[in-house]
Amino acid sequence: MDLREPQDYSLKHNNPYQVTEINEMNRASAGWSAQKLGRYLFSFDGRATIGQWWLLHLGLPVALFLILGAGGILFQFLGTALSDLTDSPTPAKVLEVTGIIIIATCVLLYIWINLSVTVRRFHDRDKSGGWIFIGAIPYIGGFWILIECGFLPGTMGPNSYGPDPMKRTVN
């Protein structure tokens, strides 16, 4: 930031403790919008960095485990409470079916997000998303995807799948 042309009210008035509004440049990069998050998680278009791939492959299983674990504890508690209140097994069965539906939905979302970021990671390597099917080969396929997506750098500069997400330029 150039201190001769302050963009911030606190810098103009020499008050470092002044709460200020976010200027336009920061507003564009501040936080995640729902649209940006949806594209990040569910779109197969564009490219993904190694960091994004690792974040989703390490962070998403942890989040899924915590959500499903908390949900399981809650449903167990509710099922026990409902069975104590009534002799009918219906409320417990409803909770059981609801829990199965929630778990199935979470697993399907996890699979979709995993496929999405892996396809975009292959795009970053300037390869077709069809390379994801190499994962169907037992042992070798998963190892290949791990090496290709998790450790090898993406194409520097723009490629046939879009601009470089790291904003690097080719000299």
N, C-alpha and C. Protein backbone atom coordinates (compact mmCIF):
# COMPACT_ATOMS: atom_id res chain seq x y z
N MET A 1 0.85 -1.17 0.00
CA MET A 1 0.00 0.00 0.00
C MET A 1 0.90 1.23 0.00
N ASP A 2 0.57 2.19 -0.84
CA ASP A 2 1.32 3.44 -0.93
C ASP A 2 0.82 4.40 0.14
N LEU A 3 1.69 4.78 1.07
CA LEU A 3 1.27 5.64 2.18
C LEU A 3 1.07 7.10 1.76
N ARG A 4 1.58 7.48 0.59
CA ARG A 4 1.35 8.85 0.12
C ARG A 4 -0.09 9.06 -0.32
N GLU A 5 -0.74 8.02 -0.81
CA GLU A 5 -2.13 8.09 -1.26
C GLU A 5 -2.94 7.09 -0.45
N PRO A 6 -3.26 7.41 0.80
CA PRO A 6 -3.95 6.43 1.64
C PRO A 6 -5.34 6.10 1.12
N GLN A 7 -5.67 4.81 1.10
CA GLN A 7 -6.97 4.34 0.69
C GLN A 7 -7.88 4.16 1.90
N ASP A 8 -7.33 4.36 3.06
CA ASP A 8 -8.01 4.01 4.29
C ASP A 8 -8.18 5.25 5.16
N TYR A 9 -9.34 5.44 5.72
CA TYR A 9 -9.64 6.60 6.57
C TYR A 9 -8.66 6.69 7.74
N SER A 10 -8.34 5.53 8.33
CA SER A 10 -7.47 5.55 9.51
C SER A 10 -6.08 6.05 9.16
N LEU A 11 -5.62 5.80 7.93
CA LEU A 11 -4.31 6.28 7.54
C LEU A 11 -4.33 7.78 7.24
N LYS A 12 -5.44 8.28 6.69
CA LYS A 12 -5.56 9.71 6.41
C LYS A 12 -5.52 10.53 7.69
N HIS A 13 -6.10 10.00 8.75
CA HIS A 13 -6.21 10.74 10.00
C HIS A 13 -5.25 10.23 11.07
N ASN A 14 -4.29 9.41 10.67
CA ASN A 14 -3.27 8.89 11.58
C ASN A 14 -3.84 8.23 12.82
N ASN A 15 -4.92 7.51 12.66
CA ASN A 15 -5.53 6.79 13.77
C ASN A 15 -5.51 5.30 13.44
N PRO A 16 -4.54 4.56 13.93
CA PRO A 16 -4.45 3.14 13.58
C PRO A 16 -5.55 2.29 14.21
N TYR A 17 -6.30 2.83 15.16
CA TYR A 17 -7.33 2.05 15.83
C TYR A 17 -8.72 2.31 15.27
N GLN A 18 -8.82 3.17 14.28
CA GLN A 18 -10.11 3.52 13.69
C GLN A 18 -10.65 2.34 12.88
N VAL A 19 -11.91 1.97 13.12
CA VAL A 19 -12.56 0.94 12.33
C VAL A 19 -12.99 1.58 11.02
N THR A 20 -12.62 0.96 9.90
CA THR A 20 -12.92 1.55 8.60
C THR A 20 -13.71 0.58 7.74
N GLU A 21 -14.25 1.12 6.69
CA GLU A 21 -14.94 0.28 5.71
C GLU A 21 -13.91 -0.37 4.82
N ILE A 22 -14.29 -1.49 4.26
CA ILE A 22 -13.40 -2.18 3.32
C ILE A 22 -13.50 -1.45 1.99
N ASN A 23 -12.36 -1.11 1.40
CA ASN A 23 -12.42 -0.43 0.11
C ASN A 23 -12.79 -1.42 -1.00
N GLU A 24 -13.08 -0.89 -2.19
CA GLU A 24 -13.58 -1.72 -3.30
C GLU A 24 -12.62 -2.84 -3.65
N MET A 25 -11.32 -2.57 -3.65
CA MET A 25 -10.35 -3.59 -4.03
C MET A 25 -10.37 -4.75 -3.04
N ASN A 26 -10.44 -4.46 -1.76
CA ASN A 26 -10.48 -5.51 -0.76
C ASN A 26 -11.82 -6.22 -0.75
N ARG A 27 -12.90 -5.50 -1.04
CA ARG A 27 -14.23 -6.10 -1.03
C ARG A 27 -14.33 -7.21 -2.07
N ALA A 28 -13.68 -7.04 -3.22
CA ALA A 28 -13.74 -8.04 -4.27
C ALA A 28 -13.06 -9.33 -3.84
N SER A 29 -12.03 -9.23 -3.00
CA SER A 29 -11.31 -10.43 -2.60
C SER A 29 -11.66 -10.90 -1.20
N ALA A 30 -12.48 -10.16 -0.49
CA ALA A 30 -12.79 -10.50 0.91
C ALA A 30 -13.84 -11.59 0.96
N GLY A 31 -13.50 -12.68 1.64
CA GLY A 31 -14.48 -13.72 1.92
C GLY A 31 -14.91 -14.52 0.69
N TRP A 32 -15.81 -15.45 0.95
CA TRP A 32 -16.36 -16.29 -0.09
C TRP A 32 -17.82 -15.95 -0.27
N SER A 33 -18.23 -15.73 -1.50
CA SER A 33 -19.65 -15.57 -1.77
C SER A 33 -20.23 -16.96 -1.97
N ALA A 34 -21.54 -17.08 -1.87
CA ALA A 34 -22.18 -18.38 -2.07
C ALA A 34 -21.94 -18.89 -3.48
N GLN A 35 -21.95 -17.99 -4.45
CA GLN A 35 -21.73 -18.38 -5.84
C GLN A 35 -20.30 -18.90 -6.03
N LYS A 36 -19.34 -18.21 -5.45
CA LYS A 36 -17.94 -18.62 -5.57
C LYS A 36 -17.71 -19.97 -4.87
N LEU A 37 -18.30 -20.14 -3.70
CA LEU A 37 -18.16 -21.40 -2.97
C LEU A 37 -18.83 -22.54 -3.74
N GLY A 38 -20.01 -22.28 -4.30
CA GLY A 38 -20.70 -23.31 -5.09
C GLY A 38 -19.88 -23.74 -6.29
N ARG A 39 -19.27 -22.77 -6.98
CA ARG A 39 -18.44 -23.10 -8.13
C ARG A 39 -17.20 -23.87 -7.68
N TYR A 40 -16.62 -23.45 -6.58
CA TYR A 40 -15.42 -24.09 -6.05
C TYR A 40 -15.69 -25.55 -5.70
N LEU A 41 -16.86 -25.83 -5.16
CA LEU A 41 -17.15 -27.19 -4.70
C LEU A 41 -17.77 -28.09 -5.77
N PHE A 42 -18.60 -27.53 -6.66
CA PHE A 42 -19.42 -28.38 -7.52
C PHE A 42 -19.13 -28.30 -9.01
N SER A 43 -18.34 -27.34 -9.46
CA SER A 43 -18.11 -27.16 -10.89
C SER A 43 -16.96 -28.04 -11.38
N PHE A 44 -17.11 -28.52 -12.61
CA PHE A 44 -16.06 -29.30 -13.24
C PHE A 44 -15.26 -28.46 -14.24
N ASP A 45 -15.60 -27.18 -14.35
CA ASP A 45 -14.92 -26.28 -15.29
C ASP A 45 -13.76 -25.57 -14.61
N GLY A 46 -12.74 -25.27 -15.39
CA GLY A 46 -11.63 -24.50 -14.87
C GLY A 46 -10.53 -25.37 -14.29
N ARG A 47 -9.74 -24.76 -13.43
CA ARG A 47 -8.56 -25.41 -12.88
C ARG A 47 -8.54 -25.29 -11.37
N ALA A 48 -7.85 -26.23 -10.71
CA ALA A 48 -7.69 -26.21 -9.26
C ALA A 48 -6.21 -26.35 -8.92
N THR A 49 -5.78 -25.64 -7.91
CA THR A 49 -4.38 -25.70 -7.49
C THR A 49 -4.13 -26.94 -6.63
N ILE A 50 -2.87 -27.24 -6.41
CA ILE A 50 -2.51 -28.34 -5.52
C ILE A 50 -3.07 -28.09 -4.13
N GLY A 51 -2.96 -26.85 -3.67
CA GLY A 51 -3.46 -26.49 -2.33
C GLY A 51 -4.95 -26.73 -2.19
N GLN A 52 -5.72 -26.36 -3.23
CA GLN A 52 -7.16 -26.61 -3.18
C GLN A 52 -7.45 -28.10 -3.15
N TRP A 53 -6.70 -28.87 -3.93
CA TRP A 53 -6.91 -30.32 -3.96
C TRP A 53 -6.62 -30.93 -2.59
N TRP A 54 -5.49 -30.54 -1.98
CA TRP A 54 -5.15 -31.07 -0.66
C TRP A 54 -6.15 -30.61 0.40
N LEU A 55 -6.57 -29.36 0.32
CA LEU A 55 -7.54 -28.84 1.29
C LEU A 55 -8.81 -29.67 1.28
N LEU A 56 -9.31 -29.97 0.09
CA LEU A 56 -10.54 -30.75 0.03
C LEU A 56 -10.32 -32.22 0.37
N HIS A 57 -9.15 -32.75 0.06
CA HIS A 57 -8.92 -34.17 0.37
C HIS A 57 -8.53 -34.42 1.82
N LEU A 58 -8.07 -33.39 2.50
CA LEU A 58 -7.77 -33.55 3.93
C LEU A 58 -8.86 -32.93 4.80
N GLY A 59 -9.36 -31.78 4.40
CA GLY A 59 -10.34 -31.06 5.22
C GLY A 59 -11.74 -31.61 5.12
N LEU A 60 -12.15 -32.01 3.93
CA LEU A 60 -13.53 -32.48 3.75
C LEU A 60 -13.82 -33.77 4.52
N PRO A 61 -12.93 -34.77 4.52
CA PRO A 61 -13.22 -35.96 5.33
C PRO A 61 -13.33 -35.65 6.82
N VAL A 62 -12.51 -34.73 7.31
CA VAL A 62 -12.58 -34.35 8.72
C VAL A 62 -13.93 -33.68 9.01
N ALA A 63 -14.33 -32.75 8.13
CA ALA A 63 -15.62 -32.07 8.30
C ALA A 63 -16.77 -33.08 8.23
N LEU A 64 -16.70 -34.00 7.27
CA LEU A 64 -17.75 -35.01 7.14
C LEU A 64 -17.82 -35.89 8.38
N PHE A 65 -16.67 -36.28 8.91
CA PHE A 65 -16.62 -37.10 10.12
C PHE A 65 -17.25 -36.36 11.30
N LEU A 66 -16.90 -35.08 11.45
CA LEU A 66 -17.45 -34.30 12.57
C LEU A 66 -18.96 -34.10 12.43
N ILE A 67 -19.41 -33.78 11.23
CA ILE A 67 -20.85 -33.56 11.01
C ILE A 67 -21.63 -34.85 11.23
N LEU A 68 -21.16 -35.94 10.64
CA LEU A 68 -21.88 -37.20 10.79
C LEU A 68 -21.77 -37.73 12.22
N GLY A 69 -20.64 -37.52 12.87
CA GLY A 69 -20.50 -37.94 14.27
C GLY A 69 -21.44 -37.19 15.18
N ALA A 70 -21.50 -35.87 15.01
CA ALA A 70 -22.42 -35.06 15.83
C ALA A 70 -23.86 -35.43 15.52
N GLY A 71 -24.15 -35.64 14.24
CA GLY A 71 -25.51 -36.05 13.87
C GLY A 71 -25.87 -37.40 14.45
N GLY A 72 -24.92 -38.33 14.44
CA GLY A 72 -25.18 -39.65 15.01
C GLY A 72 -25.46 -39.59 16.50
N ILE A 73 -24.69 -38.78 17.21
CA ILE A 73 -24.93 -38.61 18.66
C ILE A 73 -26.29 -37.99 18.90
N LEU A 74 -26.63 -36.96 18.11
CA LEU A 74 -27.93 -36.30 18.26
C LEU A 74 -29.07 -37.27 17.98
N PHE A 75 -28.96 -38.03 16.89
CA PHE A 75 -30.02 -38.97 16.55
C PHE A 75 -30.13 -40.09 17.59
N GLN A 76 -29.01 -40.53 18.13
CA GLN A 76 -29.05 -41.54 19.19
C GLN A 76 -29.76 -41.00 20.41
N PHE A 77 -29.44 -39.78 20.80
CA PHE A 77 -30.09 -39.14 21.94
C PHE A 77 -31.59 -38.99 21.70
N LEU A 78 -31.96 -38.50 20.52
CA LEU A 78 -33.38 -38.32 20.20
C LEU A 78 -34.12 -39.65 20.15
N GLY A 79 -33.47 -40.65 19.57
CA GLY A 79 -34.10 -41.97 19.50
C GLY A 79 -34.35 -42.56 20.89
N THR A 80 -33.37 -42.41 21.78
CA THR A 80 -33.53 -42.89 23.15
C THR A 80 -34.63 -42.12 23.87
N ALA A 81 -34.64 -40.81 23.69
CA ALA A 81 -35.67 -39.98 24.34
C ALA A 81 -37.06 -40.33 23.83
N LEU A 82 -37.19 -40.53 22.52
CA LEU A 82 -38.50 -40.86 21.95
C LEU A 82 -38.97 -42.25 22.36
N SER A 83 -38.04 -43.19 22.45
CA SER A 83 -38.45 -44.54 22.85
C SER A 83 -38.88 -44.58 24.31
N ASP A 84 -38.34 -43.68 25.14
CA ASP A 84 -38.76 -43.59 26.54
C ASP A 84 -40.15 -42.98 26.66
N LEU A 85 -40.52 -42.12 25.71
CA LEU A 85 -41.81 -41.43 25.78
C LEU A 85 -42.97 -42.26 25.26
N THR A 86 -42.70 -43.17 24.36
CA THR A 86 -43.78 -43.92 23.74
C THR A 86 -43.40 -45.39 23.60
N ASP A 87 -44.40 -46.23 23.52
CA ASP A 87 -44.16 -47.66 23.32
C ASP A 87 -44.06 -48.00 21.83
N SER A 88 -44.48 -47.08 20.98
CA SER A 88 -44.48 -47.32 19.54
C SER A 88 -43.07 -47.17 18.98
N PRO A 89 -42.65 -48.09 18.11
CA PRO A 89 -41.32 -47.98 17.51
C PRO A 89 -41.27 -47.00 16.34
N THR A 90 -42.41 -46.41 15.96
CA THR A 90 -42.48 -45.54 14.79
C THR A 90 -41.54 -44.34 14.85
N PRO A 91 -41.51 -43.54 15.94
CA PRO A 91 -40.60 -42.39 15.96
C PRO A 91 -39.13 -42.79 15.80
N ALA A 92 -38.74 -43.88 16.41
CA ALA A 92 -37.35 -44.33 16.28
C ALA A 92 -37.05 -44.75 14.85
N LYS A 93 -38.00 -45.40 14.19
CA LYS A 93 -37.82 -45.81 12.79
C LYS A 93 -37.72 -44.60 11.87
N VAL A 94 -38.54 -43.58 12.16
CA VAL A 94 -38.49 -42.35 11.36
C VAL A 94 -37.11 -41.71 11.51
N LEU A 95 -36.60 -41.66 12.72
CA LEU A 95 -35.26 -41.11 12.95
C LEU A 95 -34.19 -41.94 12.23
N GLU A 96 -34.34 -43.25 12.25
CA GLU A 96 -33.38 -44.13 11.61
C GLU A 96 -33.36 -43.88 10.10
N VAL A 97 -34.53 -43.82 9.49
CA VAL A 97 -34.62 -43.57 8.05
C VAL A 97 -34.08 -42.18 7.71
N THR A 98 -34.43 -41.19 8.53
CA THR A 98 -33.93 -39.83 8.31
C THR A 98 -32.40 -39.80 8.41
N GLY A 99 -31.84 -40.49 9.38
CA GLY A 99 -30.39 -40.56 9.52
C GLY A 99 -29.73 -41.19 8.31
N ILE A 100 -30.32 -42.26 7.80
CA ILE A 100 -29.77 -42.94 6.62
C ILE A 100 -29.81 -42.00 5.41
N ILE A 101 -30.90 -41.26 5.26
CA ILE A 101 -31.01 -40.32 4.14
C ILE A 101 -29.96 -39.21 4.27
N ILE A 102 -29.76 -38.71 5.47
CA ILE A 102 -28.76 -37.65 5.68
C ILE A 102 -27.35 -38.17 5.39
N ILE A 103 -27.04 -39.37 5.87
CA ILE A 103 -25.72 -39.96 5.63
C ILE A 103 -25.51 -40.18 4.13
N ALA A 104 -26.51 -40.74 3.45
CA ALA A 104 -26.39 -40.98 2.01
C ALA A 104 -26.19 -39.68 1.25
N THR A 105 -26.91 -38.63 1.64
CA THR A 105 -26.77 -37.33 0.98
C THR A 105 -25.37 -36.77 1.20
N CYS A 106 -24.86 -36.85 2.41
CA CYS A 106 -23.51 -36.36 2.71
C CYS A 106 -22.46 -37.13 1.91
N VAL A 107 -22.61 -38.43 1.81
CA VAL A 107 -21.64 -39.25 1.07
C VAL A 107 -21.68 -38.91 -0.42
N LEU A 108 -22.89 -38.75 -0.98
CA LEU A 108 -23.01 -38.38 -2.39
C LEU A 108 -22.41 -37.00 -2.66
N LEU A 109 -22.65 -36.05 -1.77
CA LEU A 109 -22.04 -34.72 -1.91
C LEU A 109 -20.51 -34.81 -1.85
N TYR A 110 -20.02 -35.62 -0.93
CA TYR A 110 -18.57 -35.80 -0.80
C TYR A 110 -17.98 -36.37 -2.10
N ILE A 111 -18.64 -37.37 -2.67
CA ILE A 111 -18.15 -37.98 -3.91
C ILE A 111 -18.15 -36.95 -5.03
N TRP A 112 -19.25 -36.17 -5.16
CA TRP A 112 -19.35 -35.16 -6.21
C TRP A 112 -18.23 -34.12 -6.07
N ILE A 113 -18.03 -33.62 -4.86
CA ILE A 113 -17.01 -32.59 -4.62
C ILE A 113 -15.62 -33.16 -4.89
N ASN A 114 -15.39 -34.39 -4.49
CA ASN A 114 -14.11 -35.05 -4.73
C ASN A 114 -13.84 -35.18 -6.23
N LEU A 115 -14.85 -35.63 -6.98
CA LEU A 115 -14.70 -35.75 -8.43
C LEU A 115 -14.45 -34.38 -9.06
N SER A 116 -15.19 -33.39 -8.60
CA SER A 116 -15.08 -32.03 -9.16
C SER A 116 -13.67 -31.47 -9.01
N VAL A 117 -13.14 -31.51 -7.80
CA VAL A 117 -11.82 -30.92 -7.58
C VAL A 117 -10.73 -31.75 -8.25
N THR A 118 -10.90 -33.05 -8.35
CA THR A 118 -9.89 -33.88 -9.01
C THR A 118 -9.89 -33.64 -10.51
N VAL A 119 -11.07 -33.51 -11.11
CA VAL A 119 -11.15 -33.19 -12.54
C VAL A 119 -10.52 -31.84 -12.81
N ARG A 120 -10.80 -30.85 -11.97
CA ARG A 120 -10.20 -29.52 -12.16
C ARG A 120 -8.69 -29.56 -11.93
N ARG A 121 -8.24 -30.45 -11.07
CA ARG A 121 -6.79 -30.59 -10.86
C ARG A 121 -6.13 -31.18 -12.10
N PHE A 122 -6.79 -32.17 -12.74
CA PHE A 122 -6.27 -32.69 -14.00
C PHE A 122 -6.27 -31.58 -15.06
N HIS A 123 -7.29 -30.73 -15.06
CA HIS A 123 -7.32 -29.60 -15.99
C HIS A 123 -6.11 -28.69 -15.75
N ASP A 124 -5.74 -28.49 -14.50
CA ASP A 124 -4.58 -27.66 -14.19
C ASP A 124 -3.31 -28.27 -14.76
N ARG A 125 -3.29 -29.57 -14.88
CA ARG A 125 -2.14 -30.26 -15.46
C ARG A 125 -2.26 -30.34 -16.99
N ASP A 126 -3.29 -29.68 -17.55
CA ASP A 126 -3.61 -29.65 -18.99
C ASP A 126 -3.94 -31.04 -19.52
N LYS A 127 -4.69 -31.78 -18.70
CA LYS A 127 -5.16 -33.10 -19.08
C LYS A 127 -6.68 -33.13 -18.98
N SER A 128 -7.27 -34.01 -19.74
CA SER A 128 -8.72 -34.16 -19.72
C SER A 128 -9.19 -34.69 -18.36
N GLY A 129 -10.40 -34.32 -17.99
CA GLY A 129 -10.98 -34.84 -16.75
C GLY A 129 -11.22 -36.33 -16.82
N GLY A 130 -11.20 -36.90 -18.03
CA GLY A 130 -11.36 -38.34 -18.19
C GLY A 130 -10.26 -39.14 -17.52
N TRP A 131 -9.15 -38.49 -17.21
CA TRP A 131 -8.07 -39.16 -16.50
C TRP A 131 -8.49 -39.65 -15.12
N ILE A 132 -9.61 -39.14 -14.65
CA ILE A 132 -10.08 -39.56 -13.32
C ILE A 132 -10.42 -41.05 -13.31
N PHE A 133 -10.74 -41.60 -14.48
CA PHE A 133 -11.10 -43.02 -14.55
C PHE A 133 -9.91 -43.94 -14.32
N ILE A 134 -8.70 -43.38 -14.34
CA ILE A 134 -7.53 -44.20 -14.01
C ILE A 134 -7.63 -44.69 -12.56
N GLY A 135 -8.39 -43.99 -11.75
CA GLY A 135 -8.61 -44.39 -10.37
C GLY A 135 -9.34 -45.71 -10.24
N ALA A 136 -9.96 -46.17 -11.32
CA ALA A 136 -10.67 -47.45 -11.29
C ALA A 136 -9.71 -48.64 -11.33
N ILE A 137 -8.46 -48.39 -11.68
CA ILE A 137 -7.46 -49.47 -11.69
C ILE A 137 -7.03 -49.70 -10.24
N PRO A 138 -7.22 -50.92 -9.73
CA PRO A 138 -6.87 -51.16 -8.32
C PRO A 138 -5.40 -50.84 -8.03
N TYR A 139 -5.18 -50.26 -6.87
CA TYR A 139 -3.87 -49.91 -6.33
C TYR A 139 -3.15 -48.84 -7.17
N ILE A 140 -2.86 -49.15 -8.42
CA ILE A 140 -2.08 -48.25 -9.26
C ILE A 140 -2.84 -46.95 -9.54
N GLY A 141 -4.14 -47.06 -9.80
CA GLY A 141 -4.93 -45.89 -10.15
C GLY A 141 -4.97 -44.83 -9.07
N GLY A 142 -5.23 -45.24 -7.86
CA GLY A 142 -5.27 -44.29 -6.75
C GLY A 142 -3.92 -43.66 -6.49
N PHE A 143 -2.86 -44.47 -6.60
CA PHE A 143 -1.51 -43.95 -6.42
C PHE A 143 -1.17 -42.94 -7.52
N TRP A 144 -1.58 -43.26 -8.75
CA TRP A 144 -1.33 -42.36 -9.88
C TRP A 144 -2.02 -41.01 -9.65
N ILE A 145 -3.28 -41.04 -9.23
CA ILE A 145 -4.01 -39.79 -8.97
C ILE A 145 -3.35 -39.01 -7.84
N LEU A 146 -2.91 -39.70 -6.80
CA LEU A 146 -2.23 -39.04 -5.69
C LEU A 146 -0.98 -38.30 -6.17
N ILE A 147 -0.16 -38.96 -6.98
CA ILE A 147 1.07 -38.34 -7.48
C ILE A 147 0.74 -37.21 -8.44
N GLU A 148 -0.14 -37.49 -9.41
CA GLU A 148 -0.47 -36.52 -10.46
C GLU A 148 -1.13 -35.26 -9.89
N CYS A 149 -2.09 -35.44 -9.02
CA CYS A 149 -2.86 -34.30 -8.51
C CYS A 149 -2.26 -33.70 -7.24
N GLY A 150 -1.63 -34.50 -6.43
CA GLY A 150 -1.16 -34.02 -5.14
C GLY A 150 0.26 -33.50 -5.09
N PHE A 151 1.07 -33.84 -6.09
CA PHE A 151 2.48 -33.46 -5.99
C PHE A 151 3.04 -32.77 -7.23
N LEU A 152 2.51 -33.06 -8.41
CA LEU A 152 3.07 -32.46 -9.63
C LEU A 152 2.46 -31.08 -9.86
N PRO A 153 3.28 -30.12 -10.26
CA PRO A 153 2.76 -28.76 -10.46
C PRO A 153 1.85 -28.67 -11.68
N GLY A 154 0.99 -27.67 -11.66
CA GLY A 154 0.10 -27.43 -12.78
C GLY A 154 0.83 -26.73 -13.92
N THR A 155 0.14 -26.60 -15.04
CA THR A 155 0.69 -25.89 -16.19
C THR A 155 0.86 -24.42 -15.85
N MET A 156 2.02 -23.89 -16.13
CA MET A 156 2.28 -22.48 -15.85
C MET A 156 1.61 -21.62 -16.92
N GLY A 157 0.90 -20.59 -16.50
CA GLY A 157 0.21 -19.72 -17.43
C GLY A 157 -1.10 -20.36 -17.89
N PRO A 158 -1.80 -19.70 -18.81
CA PRO A 158 -3.08 -20.24 -19.27
C PRO A 158 -2.88 -21.53 -20.07
N ASN A 159 -3.85 -22.42 -19.99
CA ASN A 159 -3.85 -23.62 -20.83
C ASN A 159 -5.23 -23.77 -21.45
N SER A 160 -5.51 -24.91 -22.06
CA SER A 160 -6.78 -25.09 -22.77
C SER A 160 -7.98 -25.15 -21.84
N TYR A 161 -7.77 -25.19 -20.53
CA TYR A 161 -8.88 -25.25 -19.57
C TYR A 161 -9.09 -23.95 -18.81
N GLY A 162 -8.29 -22.94 -19.10
CA GLY A 162 -8.51 -21.65 -18.46
C GLY A 162 -7.22 -21.00 -17.98
N PRO A 163 -7.37 -19.85 -17.32
CA PRO A 163 -6.19 -19.14 -16.81
C PRO A 163 -5.58 -19.87 -15.62
N ASP A 164 -4.33 -19.56 -15.38
CA ASP A 164 -3.61 -20.16 -14.26
C ASP A 164 -4.22 -19.68 -12.94
N PRO A 165 -4.69 -20.61 -12.09
CA PRO A 165 -5.27 -20.18 -10.82
C PRO A 165 -4.25 -19.55 -9.88
N MET A 166 -2.97 -19.81 -10.10
CA MET A 166 -1.91 -19.22 -9.28
C MET A 166 -1.44 -17.89 -9.85
N LYS A 167 -1.98 -17.52 -11.02
CA LYS A 167 -1.67 -16.26 -11.69
C LYS A 167 -0.18 -16.13 -12.03
N ARG A 168 0.44 -17.26 -12.37
CA ARG A 168 1.84 -17.25 -12.79
C ARG A 168 1.89 -16.91 -14.28
N THR A 169 2.97 -16.36 -14.74
CA THR A 169 3.12 -16.05 -16.16
C THR A 169 4.29 -16.82 -16.72
N VAL A 170 4.20 -17.10 -18.02
CA VAL A 170 5.27 -17.80 -18.71
C VAL A 170 6.21 -16.75 -19.28
N ASN A 171 7.50 -16.90 -19.02
CA ASN A 171 8.49 -15.91 -19.52
C ASN A 171 8.86 -16.22 -20.93
